[in-house]
Amino acid sequence: MIRRYGEAVVSGQRYRRRPGAYAILEREGQFLLTYQADPHHEFQLPGGGIDPGESPIAALHREVYEETGWHISAPRKLGVYRRFVFMPEYDLWAEKLCHIYLARPVTRIGPPTEPDHTAIWTNRETALELLFNRGDAAFLARLG
């Protein structure tokens, strides 16, 4: 059974399954988050949707780079959870399957290439307070 976080399922609403890969990135006691200004205005673990035909690891590398400007190495899967949400940027009701990885940020290439994203380094306590998604926060909290 996959644990669910977030909003309750809307009765009668059809959801499209949308897998995604997300990373917990730690360096010298600081964690790398992404702030998405539009349309959500929220702090998130870097990551996002896995495109058709794309592997989860390839998606993780691509999404982390797009949202933070960093290249990563040594991704290790920690687990998966699900969320049922409306995604206004895609006009889509989605069942998000969020695959969470622990990885090392190794090189900053430049600023995020994804519009309306800002890379933020913060300590663990602040990261746990800032993360909008309780599923993301639960995985970070488990790292103890």
C-alpha atoms as a PDB file:
ATOM      1  CA  MET A   1       0.000   0.000   0.000  1.00  0.00           C
ATOM      2  CA  ILE A   2       1.365   3.409  -0.991  1.00  0.00           C
ATOM      3  CA  ARG A   3       0.918   6.123   1.645  1.00  0.00           C
ATOM      4  CA  ARG A   4      -1.177   9.144   0.589  1.00  0.00           C
ATOM      5  CA  TYR A   5      -0.583  12.759   1.615  1.00  0.00           C
ATOM      6  CA  GLY A   6      -2.491  15.938   0.891  1.00  0.00           C
ATOM      7  CA  GLU A   7      -5.998  16.655  -0.259  1.00  0.00           C
ATOM      8  CA  ALA A   8      -8.783  14.100  -0.111  1.00  0.00           C
ATOM      9  CA  VAL A   9      -9.869  12.418  -3.328  1.00  0.00           C
ATOM     10  CA  VAL A  10     -12.747  14.341  -4.928  1.00  0.00           C
ATOM     11  CA  SER A  11     -15.680  11.961  -5.324  1.00  0.00           C
ATOM     12  CA  GLY A  12     -16.582  11.374  -8.966  1.00  0.00           C
ATOM     13  CA  GLN A  13     -13.464  13.183 -10.252  1.00  0.00           C
ATOM     14  CA  ARG A  14     -11.346  11.273 -12.785  1.00  0.00           C
ATOM     15  CA  TYR A  15      -7.609  11.496 -12.126  1.00  0.00           C
ATOM     16  CA  ARG A  16      -4.765  10.800 -14.540  1.00  0.00           C
ATOM     17  CA  ARG A  17      -1.766   9.002 -13.062  1.00  0.00           C
ATOM     18  CA  ARG A  18       1.333  11.188 -13.225  1.00  0.00           C
ATOM     19  CA  PRO A  19       4.587   9.692 -11.945  1.00  0.00           C
ATOM     20  CA  GLY A  20       7.338  12.023 -10.817  1.00  0.00           C
ATOM     21  CA  ALA A  21      10.853  11.891  -9.372  1.00  0.00           C
ATOM     22  CA  TYR A  22      11.980  14.231  -6.562  1.00  0.00           C
ATOM     23  CA  ALA A  23      15.268  14.662  -4.702  1.00  0.00           C
ATOM     24  CA  ILE A  24      16.390  15.375  -1.174  1.00  0.00           C
ATOM     25  CA  LEU A  25      19.705  17.175  -1.694  1.00  0.00           C
ATOM     26  CA  GLU A  26      21.988  17.889   1.264  1.00  0.00           C
ATOM     27  CA  ARG A  27      25.366  19.618   1.325  1.00  0.00           C
ATOM     28  CA  GLU A  28      27.237  20.624   4.484  1.00  0.00           C
ATOM     29  CA  GLY A  29      24.076  20.547   6.612  1.00  0.00           C
ATOM     30  CA  GLN A  30      22.035  22.600   4.140  1.00  0.00           C
ATOM     31  CA  PHE A  31      19.189  21.318   1.955  1.00  0.00           C
ATOM     32  CA  LEU A  32      18.389  22.494  -1.555  1.00  0.00           C
ATOM     33  CA  LEU A  33      14.735  23.337  -2.158  1.00  0.00           C
ATOM     34  CA  THR A  34      13.024  24.995  -5.065  1.00  0.00           C
ATOM     35  CA  TYR A  35      10.595  27.873  -4.648  1.00  0.00           C
ATOM     36  CA  GLN A  36       7.921  27.818  -7.345  1.00  0.00           C
ATOM     37  CA  ALA A  37       6.398  31.278  -7.696  1.00  0.00           C
ATOM     38  CA  ASP A  38       3.696  30.461 -10.241  1.00  0.00           C
ATOM     39  CA  PRO A  39       1.081  29.032 -10.104  1.00  0.00           C
ATOM     40  CA  HIS A  40       1.611  27.562  -6.619  1.00  0.00           C
ATOM     41  CA  HIS A  41       3.823  29.917  -4.569  1.00  0.00           C
ATOM     42  CA  GLU A  42       5.363  27.076  -2.584  1.00  0.00           C
ATOM     43  CA  PHE A  43       8.614  25.464  -1.516  1.00  0.00           C
ATOM     44  CA  GLN A  44       9.171  21.947  -2.869  1.00  0.00           C
ATOM     45  CA  LEU A  45      11.748  19.228  -3.192  1.00  0.00           C
ATOM     46  CA  PRO A  46      13.339  19.664  -6.626  1.00  0.00           C
ATOM     47  CA  GLY A  47      11.860  17.328  -9.201  1.00  0.00           C
ATOM     48  CA  GLY A  48       8.833  16.759 -11.355  1.00  0.00           C
ATOM     49  CA  GLY A  49       7.047  14.635 -13.882  1.00  0.00           C
ATOM     50  CA  ILE A  50       8.557  11.652 -15.643  1.00  0.00           C
ATOM     51  CA  ASP A  51       7.989  12.076 -19.373  1.00  0.00           C
ATOM     52  CA  PRO A  52       6.689   9.134 -21.466  1.00  0.00           C
ATOM     53  CA  GLY A  53       9.603   6.836 -22.310  1.00  0.00           C
ATOM     54  CA  GLU A  54      11.889   8.534 -19.777  1.00  0.00           C
ATOM     55  CA  SER A  55      13.402   6.621 -16.857  1.00  0.00           C
ATOM     56  CA  PRO A  56      12.835   7.933 -13.307  1.00  0.00           C
ATOM     57  CA  ILE A  57      16.579   8.579 -12.865  1.00  0.00           C
ATOM     58  CA  ALA A  58      16.819  10.533 -16.143  1.00  0.00           C
ATOM     59  CA  ALA A  59      13.768  12.568 -15.111  1.00  0.00           C
ATOM     60  CA  LEU A  60      15.304  13.231 -11.702  1.00  0.00           C
ATOM     61  CA  HIS A  61      18.531  14.588 -13.231  1.00  0.00           C
ATOM     62  CA  ARG A  62      16.608  16.702 -15.772  1.00  0.00           C
ATOM     63  CA  GLU A  63      14.089  18.119 -13.300  1.00  0.00           C
ATOM     64  CA  VAL A  64      16.662  18.928 -10.601  1.00  0.00           C
ATOM     65  CA  TYR A  65      18.750  20.779 -13.175  1.00  0.00           C
ATOM     66  CA  GLU A  66      15.742  22.675 -14.584  1.00  0.00           C
ATOM     67  CA  GLU A  67      14.496  23.721 -11.132  1.00  0.00           C
ATOM     68  CA  THR A  68      17.808  24.423  -9.372  1.00  0.00           C
ATOM     69  CA  GLY A  69      20.638  24.688 -11.923  1.00  0.00           C
ATOM     70  CA  TRP A  70      22.517  21.864 -10.145  1.00  0.00           C
ATOM     71  CA  HIS A  71      23.846  18.554 -11.431  1.00  0.00           C
ATOM     72  CA  ILE A  72      23.491  15.630  -9.015  1.00  0.00           C
ATOM     73  CA  SER A  73      25.075  12.235  -8.465  1.00  0.00           C
ATOM     74  CA  ALA A  74      24.483   8.946  -6.638  1.00  0.00           C
ATOM     75  CA  PRO A  75      20.658   8.976  -6.483  1.00  0.00           C
ATOM     76  CA  ARG A  76      19.269   6.347  -4.122  1.00  0.00           C
ATOM     77  CA  LYS A  77      15.524   5.684  -3.964  1.00  0.00           C
ATOM     78  CA  LEU A  78      13.977   6.180  -0.530  1.00  0.00           C
ATOM     79  CA  GLY A  79      10.369   5.352  -1.385  1.00  0.00           C
ATOM     80  CA  VAL A  80       7.153   6.556  -2.983  1.00  0.00           C
ATOM     81  CA  TYR A  81       3.933   8.271  -1.942  1.00  0.00           C
ATOM     82  CA  ARG A  82       0.843   9.528  -3.743  1.00  0.00           C
ATOM     83  CA  ARG A  83      -1.111  12.773  -3.875  1.00  0.00           C
ATOM     84  CA  PHE A  84      -4.406  13.587  -5.583  1.00  0.00           C
ATOM     85  CA  VAL A  85      -4.297  17.185  -6.823  1.00  0.00           C
ATOM     86  CA  PHE A  86      -5.494  19.615  -9.438  1.00  0.00           C
ATOM     87  CA  MET A  87      -2.557  20.921 -11.474  1.00  0.00           C
ATOM     88  CA  PRO A  88      -3.650  24.292 -12.904  1.00  0.00           C
ATOM     89  CA  GLU A  89      -0.549  24.640 -15.102  1.00  0.00           C
ATOM     90  CA  TYR A  90      -1.724  21.533 -17.010  1.00  0.00           C
ATOM     91  CA  ASP A  91      -5.493  21.883 -16.384  1.00  0.00           C
ATOM     92  CA  LEU A  92      -5.252  18.342 -15.028  1.00  0.00           C
ATOM     93  CA  TRP A  93      -6.620  16.352 -12.098  1.00  0.00           C
ATOM     94  CA  ALA A  94      -3.703  14.074 -11.254  1.00  0.00           C
ATOM     95  CA  GLU A  95      -2.866  11.127  -9.081  1.00  0.00           C
ATOM     96  CA  LYS A  96       0.785  11.983  -8.530  1.00  0.00           C
ATOM     97  CA  LEU A  97       3.071   9.058  -7.723  1.00  0.00           C
ATOM     98  CA  CYS A  98       6.031  10.792  -6.110  1.00  0.00           C
ATOM     99  CA  HIS A  99       9.258   8.747  -6.180  1.00  0.00           C
ATOM    100  CA  ILE A 100      11.665  10.216  -3.613  1.00  0.00           C
ATOM    101  CA  TYR A 101      15.443   9.924  -3.941  1.00  0.00           C
ATOM    102  CA  LEU A 102      18.406  10.966  -1.838  1.00  0.00           C
ATOM    103  CA  ALA A 103      21.174  12.383  -4.036  1.00  0.00           C
ATOM    104  CA  ARG A 104      24.288  14.545  -3.835  1.00  0.00           C
ATOM    105  CA  PRO A 105      24.375  17.993  -5.414  1.00  0.00           C
ATOM    106  CA  VAL A 106      27.801  18.135  -7.092  1.00  0.00           C
ATOM    107  CA  THR A 107      28.028  21.105  -9.473  1.00  0.00           C
ATOM    108  CA  ARG A 108      26.044  24.295  -9.889  1.00  0.00           C
ATOM    109  CA  ILE A 109      25.834  24.953 -13.625  1.00  0.00           C
ATOM    110  CA  GLY A 110      23.813  28.162 -13.397  1.00  0.00           C
ATOM    111  CA  PRO A 111      20.438  29.499 -12.312  1.00  0.00           C
ATOM    112  CA  PRO A 112      17.278  27.412 -12.733  1.00  0.00           C
ATOM    113  CA  THR A 113      16.115  27.151 -16.338  1.00  0.00           C
ATOM    114  CA  GLU A 114      12.491  26.482 -15.354  1.00  0.00           C
ATOM    115  CA  PRO A 115      10.445  29.732 -15.294  1.00  0.00           C
ATOM    116  CA  ASP A 116       9.317  30.980 -11.874  1.00  0.00           C
ATOM    117  CA  HIS A 117      11.686  28.677  -9.915  1.00  0.00           C
ATOM    118  CA  THR A 118      14.342  29.790  -7.442  1.00  0.00           C
ATOM    119  CA  ALA A 119      16.885  27.507  -5.778  1.00  0.00           C
ATOM    120  CA  ILE A 120      17.058  27.973  -1.992  1.00  0.00           C
ATOM    121  CA  TRP A 121      19.574  26.460   0.455  1.00  0.00           C
ATOM    122  CA  THR A 122      18.336  26.151   4.026  1.00  0.00           C
ATOM    123  CA  ASN A 123      18.889  24.128   7.168  1.00  0.00           C
ATOM    124  CA  ARG A 124      16.845  21.020   7.897  1.00  0.00           C
ATOM    125  CA  GLU A 125      14.538  22.610  10.483  1.00  0.00           C
ATOM    126  CA  THR A 126      13.616  25.491   8.178  1.00  0.00           C
ATOM    127  CA  ALA A 127      13.227  23.142   5.207  1.00  0.00           C
ATOM    128  CA  LEU A 128      10.722  21.060   7.200  1.00  0.00           C
ATOM    129  CA  GLU A 129       8.742  24.220   8.005  1.00  0.00           C
ATOM    130  CA  LEU A 130       8.854  25.581   4.447  1.00  0.00           C
ATOM    131  CA  LEU A 131       7.943  22.462   2.481  1.00  0.00           C
ATOM    132  CA  PHE A 132       4.346  22.834   1.335  1.00  0.00           C
ATOM    133  CA  ASN A 133       3.844  19.167   0.585  1.00  0.00           C
ATOM    134  CA  ARG A 134       3.599  17.007   3.722  1.00  0.00           C
ATOM    135  CA  GLY A 135       4.808  13.962   1.782  1.00  0.00           C
ATOM    136  CA  ASP A 136       8.059  15.739   0.897  1.00  0.00           C
ATOM    137  CA  ALA A 137       8.464  16.830   4.535  1.00  0.00           C
ATOM    138  CA  ALA A 138       7.786  13.309   5.837  1.00  0.00           C
ATOM    139  CA  PHE A 139      10.612  11.844   3.748  1.00  0.00           C
ATOM    140  CA  LEU A 140      13.013  14.609   4.847  1.00  0.00           C
ATOM    141  CA  ALA A 141      12.029  14.090   8.497  1.00  0.00           C
ATOM    142  CA  ARG A 142      12.776  10.357   8.248  1.00  0.00           C
ATOM    143  CA  LEU A 143      16.406  11.064   7.399  1.00  0.00           C
ATOM    144  CA  GLY A 144      16.784  12.078  11.067  1.00  0.00           C
END
